[in-house]
């Protein structure tokens, strides 16, 4: 079932994923199956399955978004602390 975005402002979704994520999952799945058949390496297919699980959206938020926000907060954005004497 295709759900069209609200007032053309929201991102288009299909089932539990955004269409961009579905395209990435579909192309990655094809590459993963090809690598599994040709080389016997299951790692690319496992990465695609993990991405598919992490990109599931509920209430317009995914686990992948939370991981990105947490990484930005703890590692990439500067935190500013100002210490003052309590007296």
PDB file of N, CA and C in Angstrom:
ATOM      1  N   UNK A   1       0.832  -1.168   0.000  1.00  0.00           N
ATOM      2  CA  UNK A   1       0.000   0.000   0.000  1.00  0.00           C
ATOM      3  C   UNK A   1       0.884   1.241   0.000  1.00  0.00           C
ATOM      4  N   UNK A   2       0.700   2.117  -0.943  1.00  0.00           N
ATOM      5  CA  UNK A   2       1.472   3.351  -1.068  1.00  0.00           C
ATOM      6  C   UNK A   2       0.731   4.475  -0.362  1.00  0.00           C
ATOM      7  N   UNK A   3       1.397   5.146   0.557  1.00  0.00           N
ATOM      8  CA  UNK A   3       0.794   6.254   1.295  1.00  0.00           C
ATOM      9  C   UNK A   3       1.431   7.545   0.810  1.00  0.00           C
ATOM     10  N   UNK A   4       0.622   8.447   0.253  1.00  0.00           N
ATOM     11  CA  UNK A   4       1.157   9.696  -0.276  1.00  0.00           C
ATOM     12  C   UNK A   4       1.405  10.672   0.861  1.00  0.00           C
ATOM     13  N   UNK A   5       2.436  11.494   0.770  1.00  0.00           N
ATOM     14  CA  UNK A   5       2.790  12.400   1.867  1.00  0.00           C
ATOM     15  C   UNK A   5       1.693  13.419   2.177  1.00  0.00           C
ATOM     16  N   UNK A   6       1.609  13.815   3.432  1.00  0.00           N
ATOM     17  CA  UNK A   6       0.637  14.811   3.877  1.00  0.00           C
ATOM     18  C   UNK A   6       0.984  16.177   3.299  1.00  0.00           C
ATOM     19  N   UNK A   7       0.049  16.747   2.551  1.00  0.00           N
ATOM     20  CA  UNK A   7       0.197  18.087   1.975  1.00  0.00           C
ATOM     21  C   UNK A   7       1.492  18.244   1.175  1.00  0.00           C
ATOM     22  N   UNK A   8       1.977  17.163   0.622  1.00  0.00           N
ATOM     23  CA  UNK A   8       3.205  17.140  -0.181  1.00  0.00           C
ATOM     24  C   UNK A   8       4.424  17.627   0.589  1.00  0.00           C
ATOM     25  N   UNK A   9       4.358  17.636   1.908  1.00  0.00           N
ATOM     26  CA  UNK A   9       5.486  18.092   2.719  1.00  0.00           C
ATOM     27  C   UNK A   9       6.236  16.920   3.353  1.00  0.00           C
ATOM     28  N   UNK A  10       5.553  15.841   3.659  1.00  0.00           N
ATOM     29  CA  UNK A  10       6.192  14.690   4.285  1.00  0.00           C
ATOM     30  C   UNK A  10       6.839  13.806   3.218  1.00  0.00           C
ATOM     31  N   UNK A  11       7.721  12.930   3.667  1.00  0.00           N
ATOM     32  CA  UNK A  11       8.379  12.014   2.739  1.00  0.00           C
ATOM     33  C   UNK A  11       7.441  10.857   2.407  1.00  0.00           C
ATOM     34  N   UNK A  12       7.546  10.367   1.178  1.00  0.00           N
ATOM     35  CA  UNK A  12       6.702   9.258   0.728  1.00  0.00           C
ATOM     36  C   UNK A  12       7.142   7.966   1.408  1.00  0.00           C
ATOM     37  N   UNK A  13       6.165   7.171   1.836  1.00  0.00           N
ATOM     38  CA  UNK A  13       6.461   5.915   2.504  1.00  0.00           C
ATOM     39  C   UNK A  13       5.736   4.769   1.814  1.00  0.00           C
ATOM     40  N   UNK A  14       6.310   3.594   1.944  1.00  0.00           N
ATOM     41  CA  UNK A  14       5.696   2.367   1.455  1.00  0.00           C
ATOM     42  C   UNK A  14       5.860   1.340   2.561  1.00  0.00           C
ATOM     43  N   UNK A  15       4.754   0.879   3.123  1.00  0.00           N
ATOM     44  CA  UNK A  15       4.723   0.004   4.287  1.00  0.00           C
ATOM     45  C   UNK A  15       5.432   0.674   5.459  1.00  0.00           C
ATOM     46  N   UNK A  16       6.571   0.171   5.874  1.00  0.00           N
ATOM     47  CA  UNK A  16       7.246   0.725   7.053  1.00  0.00           C
ATOM     48  C   UNK A  16       8.512   1.508   6.716  1.00  0.00           C
ATOM     49  N   UNK A  17       8.803   1.705   5.425  1.00  0.00           N
ATOM     50  CA  UNK A  17      10.033   2.367   5.017  1.00  0.00           C
ATOM     51  C   UNK A  17       9.735   3.569   4.134  1.00  0.00           C
ATOM     52  N   UNK A  18      10.689   4.511   4.090  1.00  0.00           N
ATOM     53  CA  UNK A  18      10.621   5.574   3.093  1.00  0.00           C
ATOM     54  C   UNK A  18      11.013   4.973   1.750  1.00  0.00           C
ATOM     55  N   UNK A  19      10.589   5.605   0.672  1.00  0.00           N
ATOM     56  CA  UNK A  19      10.893   5.062  -0.656  1.00  0.00           C
ATOM     57  C   UNK A  19      12.391   5.049  -0.930  1.00  0.00           C
ATOM     58  N   UNK A  20      13.121   6.031  -0.409  1.00  0.00           N
ATOM     59  CA  UNK A  20      14.578   6.055  -0.567  1.00  0.00           C
ATOM     60  C   UNK A  20      15.194   4.823   0.083  1.00  0.00           C
ATOM     61  N   UNK A  21      14.735   4.486   1.279  1.00  0.00           N
ATOM     62  CA  UNK A  21      15.258   3.311   1.975  1.00  0.00           C
ATOM     63  C   UNK A  21      14.918   2.028   1.228  1.00  0.00           C
ATOM     64  N   UNK A  22      13.716   1.954   0.666  1.00  0.00           N
ATOM     65  CA  UNK A  22      13.347   0.765  -0.107  1.00  0.00           C
ATOM     66  C   UNK A  22      14.225   0.600  -1.342  1.00  0.00           C
ATOM     67  N   UNK A  23      14.572   1.700  -1.987  1.00  0.00           N
ATOM     68  CA  UNK A  23      15.462   1.619  -3.150  1.00  0.00           C
ATOM     69  C   UNK A  23      16.842   1.123  -2.730  1.00  0.00           C
ATOM     70  N   UNK A  24      17.361   1.643  -1.620  1.00  0.00           N
ATOM     71  CA  UNK A  24      18.671   1.202  -1.122  1.00  0.00           C
ATOM     72  C   UNK A  24      18.621  -0.274  -0.741  1.00  0.00           C
ATOM     73  N   UNK A  25      17.560  -0.684  -0.071  1.00  0.00           N
ATOM     74  CA  UNK A  25      17.421  -2.087   0.339  1.00  0.00           C
ATOM     75  C   UNK A  25      17.307  -2.996  -0.884  1.00  0.00           C
ATOM     76  N   UNK A  26      16.530  -2.593  -1.885  1.00  0.00           N
ATOM     77  CA  UNK A  26      16.367  -3.411  -3.088  1.00  0.00           C
ATOM     78  C   UNK A  26      17.661  -3.585  -3.861  1.00  0.00           C
ATOM     79  N   UNK A  27      18.375  -2.490  -4.095  1.00  0.00           N
ATOM     80  CA  UNK A  27      19.649  -2.572  -4.825  1.00  0.00           C
ATOM     81  C   UNK A  27      20.677  -3.342  -4.009  1.00  0.00           C
ATOM     82  N   UNK A  28      20.728  -3.068  -2.704  1.00  0.00           N
ATOM     83  CA  UNK A  28      21.661  -3.787  -1.840  1.00  0.00           C
ATOM     84  C   UNK A  28      21.352  -5.271  -1.764  1.00  0.00           C
ATOM     85  N   UNK A  29      20.064  -5.606  -1.770  1.00  0.00           N
ATOM     86  CA  UNK A  29      19.667  -7.012  -1.747  1.00  0.00           C
ATOM     87  C   UNK A  29      20.150  -7.728  -3.009  1.00  0.00           C
ATOM     88  N   UNK A  30      20.009  -7.088  -4.164  1.00  0.00           N
ATOM     89  CA  UNK A  30      20.501  -7.694  -5.409  1.00  0.00           C
ATOM     90  C   UNK A  30      22.014  -7.884  -5.373  1.00  0.00           C
ATOM     91  N   UNK A  31      22.736  -6.871  -4.908  1.00  0.00           N
ATOM     92  CA  UNK A  31      24.197  -6.981  -4.803  1.00  0.00           C
ATOM     93  C   UNK A  31      24.575  -8.061  -3.788  1.00  0.00           C
ATOM     94  N   UNK A  32      23.847  -8.125  -2.671  1.00  0.00           N
ATOM     95  CA  UNK A  32      24.129  -9.134  -1.653  1.00  0.00           C
ATOM     96  C   UNK A  32      23.890 -10.547  -2.143  1.00  0.00           C
ATOM     97  N   UNK A  33      22.797 -10.764  -2.861  1.00  0.00           N
ATOM     98  CA  UNK A  33      22.515 -12.089  -3.426  1.00  0.00           C
ATOM     99  C   UNK A  33      23.576 -12.458  -4.455  1.00  0.00           C
ATOM    100  N   UNK A  34      23.960 -11.494  -5.294  1.00  0.00           N
ATOM    101  CA  UNK A  34      24.997 -11.756  -6.298  1.00  0.00           C
ATOM    102  C   UNK A  34      26.310 -12.139  -5.627  1.00  0.00           C
ATOM    103  N   UNK A  35      26.708 -11.413  -4.598  1.00  0.00           N
ATOM    104  CA  UNK A  35      27.968 -11.736  -3.924  1.00  0.00           C
ATOM    105  C   UNK A  35      27.878 -13.069  -3.183  1.00  0.00           C
ATOM    106  N   UNK A  36      26.711 -13.394  -2.662  1.00  0.00           N
ATOM    107  CA  UNK A  36      26.548 -14.677  -1.975  1.00  0.00           C
ATOM    108  C   UNK A  36      26.668 -15.838  -2.955  1.00  0.00           C
ATOM    109  N   UNK A  37      26.075 -15.694  -4.131  1.00  0.00           N
ATOM    110  CA  UNK A  37      26.117 -16.767  -5.129  1.00  0.00           C
ATOM    111  C   UNK A  37      27.512 -16.901  -5.735  1.00  0.00           C
ATOM    112  N   UNK A  38      28.138 -15.763  -6.057  1.00  0.00           N
ATOM    113  CA  UNK A  38      29.428 -15.816  -6.750  1.00  0.00           C
ATOM    114  C   UNK A  38      30.595 -16.136  -5.822  1.00  0.00           C
ATOM    115  N   UNK A  39      30.622 -15.547  -4.632  1.00  0.00           N
ATOM    116  CA  UNK A  39      31.783 -15.719  -3.755  1.00  0.00           C
ATOM    117  C   UNK A  39      31.472 -16.499  -2.484  1.00  0.00           C
ATOM    118  N   UNK A  40      30.209 -16.654  -2.164  1.00  0.00           N
ATOM    119  CA  UNK A  40      29.849 -17.341  -0.931  1.00  0.00           C
ATOM    120  C   UNK A  40      29.955 -16.456   0.303  1.00  0.00           C
ATOM    121  N   UNK A  41      30.131 -15.148   0.103  1.00  0.00           N
ATOM    122  CA  UNK A  41      30.279 -14.223   1.223  1.00  0.00           C
ATOM    123  C   UNK A  41      28.909 -13.679   1.642  1.00  0.00           C
ATOM    124  N   UNK A  42      28.455 -14.007   2.840  1.00  0.00           N
ATOM    125  CA  UNK A  42      27.137 -13.535   3.281  1.00  0.00           C
ATOM    126  C   UNK A  42      27.149 -12.138   3.905  1.00  0.00           C
ATOM    127  N   UNK A  43      28.317 -11.522   4.075  1.00  0.00           N
ATOM    128  CA  UNK A  43      28.410 -10.232   4.764  1.00  0.00           C
ATOM    129  C   UNK A  43      27.611  -9.115   4.089  1.00  0.00           C
ATOM    130  N   UNK A  44      27.703  -8.925   2.755  1.00  0.00           N
ATOM    131  CA  UNK A  44      26.897  -7.852   2.148  1.00  0.00           C
ATOM    132  C   UNK A  44      25.396  -8.047   2.343  1.00  0.00           C
ATOM    133  N   UNK A  45      24.933  -9.268   2.260  1.00  0.00           N
ATOM    134  CA  UNK A  45      23.512  -9.544   2.471  1.00  0.00           C
ATOM    135  C   UNK A  45      23.117  -9.286   3.927  1.00  0.00           C
ATOM    136  N   UNK A  46      23.990  -9.632   4.859  1.00  0.00           N
ATOM    137  CA  UNK A  46      23.715  -9.376   6.276  1.00  0.00           C
ATOM    138  C   UNK A  46      23.669  -7.879   6.560  1.00  0.00           C
ATOM    139  N   UNK A  47      24.534  -7.104   5.914  1.00  0.00           N
ATOM    140  CA  UNK A  47      24.520  -5.647   6.094  1.00  0.00           C
ATOM    141  C   UNK A  47      23.228  -5.036   5.568  1.00  0.00           C
ATOM    142  N   UNK A  48      22.745  -5.547   4.444  1.00  0.00           N
ATOM    143  CA  UNK A  48      21.492  -5.039   3.880  1.00  0.00           C
ATOM    144  C   UNK A  48      20.315  -5.387   4.786  1.00  0.00           C
ATOM    145  N   UNK A  49      20.302  -6.587   5.325  1.00  0.00           N
ATOM    146  CA  UNK A  49      19.229  -6.979   6.244  1.00  0.00           C
ATOM    147  C   UNK A  49      19.269  -6.116   7.505  1.00  0.00           C
ATOM    148  N   UNK A  50      20.468  -5.845   8.014  1.00  0.00           N
ATOM    149  CA  UNK A  50      20.591  -4.976   9.193  1.00  0.00           C
ATOM    150  C   UNK A  50      20.110  -3.565   8.879  1.00  0.00           C
ATOM    151  N   UNK A  51      20.479  -3.035   7.708  1.00  0.00           N
ATOM    152  CA  UNK A  51      20.007  -1.705   7.316  1.00  0.00           C
ATOM    153  C   UNK A  51      18.485  -1.691   7.173  1.00  0.00           C
ATOM    154  N   UNK A  52      17.939  -2.742   6.602  1.00  0.00           N
ATOM    155  CA  UNK A  52      16.487  -2.832   6.462  1.00  0.00           C
ATOM    156  C   UNK A  52      15.784  -2.830   7.807  1.00  0.00           C
ATOM    157  N   UNK A  53      16.354  -3.517   8.788  1.00  0.00           N
ATOM    158  CA  UNK A  53      15.754  -3.529  10.118  1.00  0.00           C
ATOM    159  C   UNK A  53      15.890  -2.173  10.804  1.00  0.00           C
ATOM    160  N   UNK A  54      17.069  -1.560  10.691  1.00  0.00           N
ATOM    161  CA  UNK A  54      17.307  -0.285  11.377  1.00  0.00           C
ATOM    162  C   UNK A  54      16.555   0.881  10.750  1.00  0.00           C
ATOM    163  N   UNK A  55      16.137   0.753   9.501  1.00  0.00           N
ATOM    164  CA  UNK A  55      15.462   1.868   8.837  1.00  0.00           C
ATOM    165  C   UNK A  55      13.938   1.770   8.886  1.00  0.00           C
ATOM    166  N   UNK A  56      13.387   0.811   9.624  1.00  0.00           N
ATOM    167  CA  UNK A  56      11.934   0.729   9.803  1.00  0.00           C
ATOM    168  C   UNK A  56      11.472   1.964  10.556  1.00  0.00           C
ATOM    169  N   UNK A  57      10.406   2.595  10.078  1.00  0.00           N
ATOM    170  CA  UNK A  57       9.921   3.844  10.674  1.00  0.00           C
ATOM    171  C   UNK A  57       8.627   3.628  11.444  1.00  0.00           C
ATOM    172  N   UNK A  58       8.610   4.158  12.664  1.00  0.00           N
ATOM    173  CA  UNK A  58       7.402   4.259  13.476  1.00  0.00           C
ATOM    174  C   UNK A  58       7.318   5.683  13.986  1.00  0.00           C
ATOM    175  N   UNK A  59       6.170   6.310  13.826  1.00  0.00           N
ATOM    176  CA  UNK A  59       5.966   7.697  14.258  1.00  0.00           C
ATOM    177  C   UNK A  59       7.039   8.620  13.691  1.00  0.00           C
ATOM    178  N   UNK A  60       7.390   8.400  12.436  1.00  0.00           N
ATOM    179  CA  UNK A  60       8.342   9.230  11.693  1.00  0.00           C
ATOM    180  C   UNK A  60       9.746   9.214  12.292  1.00  0.00           C
ATOM    181  N   UNK A  61      10.105   8.158  13.015  1.00  0.00           N
ATOM    182  CA  UNK A  61      11.442   8.006  13.572  1.00  0.00           C
ATOM    183  C   UNK A  61      11.878   6.561  13.380  1.00  0.00           C
ATOM    184  N   UNK A  62      13.158   6.386  13.080  1.00  0.00           N
ATOM    185  CA  UNK A  62      13.691   5.036  12.943  1.00  0.00           C
ATOM    186  C   UNK A  62      14.850   4.843  13.917  1.00  0.00           C
ATOM    187  N   UNK A  63      15.240   3.603  14.109  1.00  0.00           N
ATOM    188  CA  UNK A  63      16.373   3.300  14.975  1.00  0.00           C
ATOM    189  C   UNK A  63      17.638   3.909  14.389  1.00  0.00           C
ATOM    190  N   UNK A  64      17.752   3.912  13.076  1.00  0.00           N
ATOM    191  CA  UNK A  64      18.913   4.491  12.409  1.00  0.00           C
ATOM    192  C   UNK A  64      19.014   5.990  12.674  1.00  0.00           C
ATOM    193  N   UNK A  65      17.889   6.694  12.685  1.00  0.00           N
ATOM    194  CA  UNK A  65      17.896   8.118  13.029  1.00  0.00           C
ATOM    195  C   UNK A  65      18.389   8.328  14.453  1.00  0.00           C
ATOM    196  N   UNK A  66      17.917   7.498  15.382  1.00  0.00           N
ATOM    197  CA  UNK A  66      18.342   7.621  16.771  1.00  0.00           C
ATOM    198  C   UNK A  66      19.842   7.395  16.903  1.00  0.00           C
ATOM    199  N   UNK A  67      20.388   6.404  16.187  1.00  0.00           N
ATOM    200  CA  UNK A  67      21.826   6.141  16.235  1.00  0.00           C
ATOM    201  C   UNK A  67      22.596   7.327  15.663  1.00  0.00           C
ATOM    202  N   UNK A  68      22.099   7.918  14.574  1.00  0.00           N
ATOM    203  CA  UNK A  68      22.759   9.096  14.000  1.00  0.00           C
ATOM    204  C   UNK A  68      22.745  10.269  14.970  1.00  0.00           C
ATOM    205  N   UNK A  69      21.602  10.518  15.614  1.00  0.00           N
ATOM    206  CA  UNK A  69      21.511  11.619  16.575  1.00  0.00           C
ATOM    207  C   UNK A  69      22.437  11.378  17.768  1.00  0.00           C
ATOM    208  N   UNK A  70      22.492  10.147  18.253  1.00  0.00           N
ATOM    209  CA  UNK A  70      23.352   9.830  19.390  1.00  0.00           C
ATOM    210  C   UNK A  70      24.826   9.984  19.024  1.00  0.00           C
ATOM    211  N   UNK A  71      25.216   9.535  17.837  1.00  0.00           N
ATOM    212  CA  UNK A  71      26.606   9.687  17.404  1.00  0.00           C
ATOM    213  C   UNK A  71      26.968  11.157  17.241  1.00  0.00           C
ATOM    214  N   UNK A  72      26.057  11.943  16.704  1.00  0.00           N
ATOM    215  CA  UNK A  72      26.320  13.377  16.564  1.00  0.00           C
ATOM    216  C   UNK A  72      26.454  14.032  17.931  1.00  0.00           C
ATOM    217  N   UNK A  73      25.628  13.639  18.873  1.00  0.00           N
ATOM    218  CA  UNK A  73      25.664  14.243  20.203  1.00  0.00           C
ATOM    219  C   UNK A  73      26.947  13.870  20.943  1.00  0.00           C
ATOM    220  N   UNK A  74      27.337  12.600  20.899  1.00  0.00           N
ATOM    221  CA  UNK A  74      28.468  12.150  21.695  1.00  0.00           C
ATOM    222  C   UNK A  74      29.821  12.296  21.003  1.00  0.00           C
ATOM    223  N   UNK A  75      29.872  12.289  19.664  1.00  0.00           N
ATOM    224  CA  UNK A  75      31.162  12.231  18.989  1.00  0.00           C
ATOM    225  C   UNK A  75      31.470  13.407  18.073  1.00  0.00           C
ATOM    226  N   UNK A  76      30.526  13.883  17.298  1.00  0.00           N
ATOM    227  CA  UNK A  76      30.876  14.839  16.248  1.00  0.00           C
ATOM    228  C   UNK A  76      30.564  16.287  16.568  1.00  0.00           C
ATOM    229  N   UNK A  77      29.578  16.560  17.405  1.00  0.00           N
ATOM    230  CA  UNK A  77      29.263  17.945  17.729  1.00  0.00           C
ATOM    231  C   UNK A  77      29.947  18.342  19.020  1.00  0.00           C
ATOM    232  N   UNK A  78      30.461  19.551  19.024  1.00  0.00           N
ATOM    233  CA  UNK A  78      31.161  20.045  20.196  1.00  0.00           C
ATOM    234  C   UNK A  78      30.169  20.348  21.317  1.00  0.00           C
ATOM    235  N   UNK A  79      30.496  19.864  22.498  1.00  0.00           N
ATOM    236  CA  UNK A  79      29.691  20.155  23.678  1.00  0.00           C
ATOM    237  C   UNK A  79      30.362  21.292  24.437  1.00  0.00           C
ATOM    238  N   UNK A  80      29.592  22.248  24.871  1.00  0.00           N
ATOM    239  CA  UNK A  80      30.133  23.399  25.577  1.00  0.00           C
ATOM    240  C   UNK A  80      29.651  23.359  27.021  1.00  0.00           C
ATOM    241  N   UNK A  81      30.605  23.315  27.945  1.00  0.00           N
ATOM    242  CA  UNK A  81      30.285  23.321  29.366  1.00  0.00           C
ATOM    243  C   UNK A  81      30.963  24.522  29.999  1.00  0.00           C
ATOM    244  N   UNK A  82      30.259  25.201  30.852  1.00  0.00           N
ATOM    245  CA  UNK A  82      30.826  26.350  31.548  1.00  0.00           C
ATOM    246  C   UNK A  82      30.723  26.081  33.042  1.00  0.00           C
ATOM    247  N   UNK A  83      31.888  25.984  33.681  1.00  0.00           N
ATOM    248  CA  UNK A  83      31.926  25.677  35.106  1.00  0.00           C
ATOM    249  C   UNK A  83      32.075  26.972  35.877  1.00  0.00           C
ATOM    250  N   UNK A  84      31.284  27.111  36.909  1.00  0.00           N
ATOM    251  CA  UNK A  84      31.358  28.308  37.749  1.00  0.00           C
ATOM    252  C   UNK A  84      31.561  27.896  39.200  1.00  0.00           C
ATOM    253  N   UNK A  85      32.166  28.807  39.919  1.00  0.00           N
ATOM    254  CA  UNK A  85      32.352  28.594  41.340  1.00  0.00           C
ATOM    255  C   UNK A  85      31.012  28.803  42.042  1.00  0.00           C
ATOM    256  N   UNK A  86      30.544  27.849  42.846  1.00  0.00           N
ATOM    257  CA  UNK A  86      29.219  27.980  43.451  1.00  0.00           C
ATOM    258  C   UNK A  86      29.116  29.070  44.515  1.00  0.00           C
ATOM    259  N   UNK A  87      30.220  29.669  44.903  1.00  0.00           N
ATOM    260  CA  UNK A  87      30.154  30.714  45.942  1.00  0.00           C
ATOM    261  C   UNK A  87      29.861  32.075  45.399  1.00  0.00           C
TER     262      UNK A  87
END
